[in-house]
Amino acid sequence: MISAFVTSTLFLTSYLIYHFSKELGPTRFRGEGIVRPVYFFILITHTTLAITIVPMVFVTFSRALKKRFPLHRKIARWTLPFWLYVSVTGVIVYLMLYQLY
């Protein structure tokens, strides 16, 4: 879990640096038809949960490091599925935006 935390932190840091230093503006999604609302649903839920998950990860991680396992378990049961969803949908958004359309 420590390596997952470190890897995610490095990815988030590099992602934010890249997007805040980029002067090209947003990338437009070129898909058409039913795939367009599907893409935006995935993007909106991904973005919302990505913002929500950051404090949850820090609380979950700190509780584990402090060996406060009963409290850790209470939040970890929510953190893990959200974290997995954000990870998977991040890849899906990338594929849909840059590889498929």
Protein backbone atom coordinates (compact mmCIF):
# COMPACT_ATOMS: atom_id res chain seq x y z
CA MET A 1 0.00 0.00 0.00
CA ILE A 2 2.93 2.31 0.64
CA SER A 3 4.19 1.81 -2.92
CA ALA A 4 0.66 2.41 -4.27
CA PHE A 5 0.45 5.62 -2.23
CA VAL A 6 3.87 6.82 -3.42
CA THR A 7 3.15 5.94 -7.05
CA SER A 8 -0.24 7.68 -6.96
CA THR A 9 1.28 10.75 -5.32
CA LEU A 10 4.01 10.94 -7.97
CA PHE A 11 1.45 10.51 -10.75
CA LEU A 12 -0.87 13.18 -9.32
CA THR A 13 2.03 15.59 -8.88
CA SER A 14 3.31 15.09 -12.44
CA TYR A 15 -0.24 15.27 -13.84
CA LEU A 16 -0.94 18.59 -12.10
CA ILE A 17 2.43 20.08 -13.10
CA TYR A 18 1.89 19.06 -16.72
CA HIS A 19 -1.66 20.43 -16.95
CA PHE A 20 -1.02 23.67 -15.09
CA SER A 21 2.09 24.46 -17.13
CA LYS A 22 0.44 23.56 -20.45
CA GLU A 23 -0.64 26.58 -22.51
CA LEU A 24 -2.50 24.69 -25.22
CA GLY A 25 -5.90 24.74 -23.53
CA PRO A 26 -8.27 21.83 -23.06
CA THR A 27 -8.40 18.85 -25.41
CA ARG A 28 -11.79 18.44 -27.07
CA PHE A 29 -13.44 15.04 -27.17
CA ARG A 30 -14.12 14.11 -30.81
CA GLY A 31 -16.41 11.14 -30.29
CA GLU A 32 -19.96 11.31 -31.63
CA GLY A 33 -23.26 9.60 -30.93
CA ILE A 34 -23.93 7.58 -27.79
CA VAL A 35 -20.25 7.45 -26.89
CA ARG A 36 -20.23 11.20 -26.21
CA PRO A 37 -22.57 11.17 -23.16
CA VAL A 38 -20.88 7.97 -21.97
CA TYR A 39 -17.49 9.71 -22.12
CA PHE A 40 -18.73 12.78 -20.25
CA PHE A 41 -20.42 10.64 -17.58
CA ILE A 42 -17.16 8.76 -17.02
CA LEU A 43 -15.16 12.01 -17.06
CA ILE A 44 -17.44 13.81 -14.59
CA THR A 45 -17.59 10.89 -12.14
CA HIS A 46 -13.83 10.37 -12.47
CA THR A 47 -13.05 14.04 -11.80
CA THR A 48 -15.47 14.33 -8.89
CA LEU A 49 -14.18 11.20 -7.19
CA ALA A 50 -10.55 12.10 -7.95
CA ILE A 51 -11.00 15.31 -5.98
CA THR A 52 -12.90 13.53 -3.20
CA ILE A 53 -10.42 10.69 -2.88
CA VAL A 54 -7.35 12.82 -2.07
CA PRO A 55 -8.26 13.65 1.54
CA MET A 56 -9.70 10.15 2.01
CA VAL A 57 -6.39 8.59 0.96
CA PHE A 58 -4.41 10.78 3.36
CA VAL A 59 -6.72 9.95 6.29
CA THR A 60 -6.73 6.24 5.46
CA PHE A 61 -2.96 6.15 5.04
CA SER A 62 -2.24 8.09 8.23
CA ARG A 63 -4.56 5.88 10.29
CA ALA A 64 -2.74 2.79 9.04
CA LEU A 65 0.68 4.29 9.80
CA LYS A 66 -0.48 5.16 13.32
CA LYS A 67 -1.82 1.59 13.68
CA ARG A 68 -5.33 2.83 14.38
CA PHE A 69 -6.75 -0.11 12.47
CA PRO A 70 -10.41 0.01 13.58
CA LEU A 71 -10.65 3.62 12.35
CA HIS A 72 -8.55 2.76 9.30
CA ARG A 73 -10.96 -0.03 8.31
CA LYS A 74 -13.98 2.28 8.58
CA ILE A 75 -12.68 4.68 5.94
CA ALA A 76 -10.66 2.15 3.91
CA ARG A 77 -13.83 0.28 2.97
CA TRP A 78 -14.85 3.45 1.08
CA THR A 79 -11.42 4.61 -0.03
CA LEU A 80 -10.39 1.44 -1.85
CA PRO A 81 -13.36 1.15 -4.24
CA PHE A 82 -13.25 4.90 -4.98
CA TRP A 83 -9.50 4.72 -5.59
CA LEU A 84 -9.91 1.75 -7.90
CA TYR A 85 -12.74 3.47 -9.80
CA VAL A 86 -10.64 6.62 -10.26
CA SER A 87 -7.66 4.55 -11.43
CA VAL A 88 -9.64 2.54 -13.96
CA THR A 89 -11.71 5.44 -15.28
CA GLY A 90 -8.55 7.55 -15.63
CA VAL A 91 -7.19 4.99 -18.07
CA ILE A 92 -10.55 4.81 -19.86
CA VAL A 93 -10.71 8.62 -20.22
CA TYR A 94 -7.16 8.66 -21.59
CA LEU A 95 -7.92 5.89 -24.10
CA MET A 96 -11.16 7.51 -25.23
CA LEU A 97 -9.64 10.97 -25.53
CA TYR A 98 -6.25 10.23 -27.10
CA GLN A 99 -6.34 6.73 -28.60
CA LEU A 100 -9.85 5.87 -29.76
CA TYR A 101 -11.33 9.19 -30.94
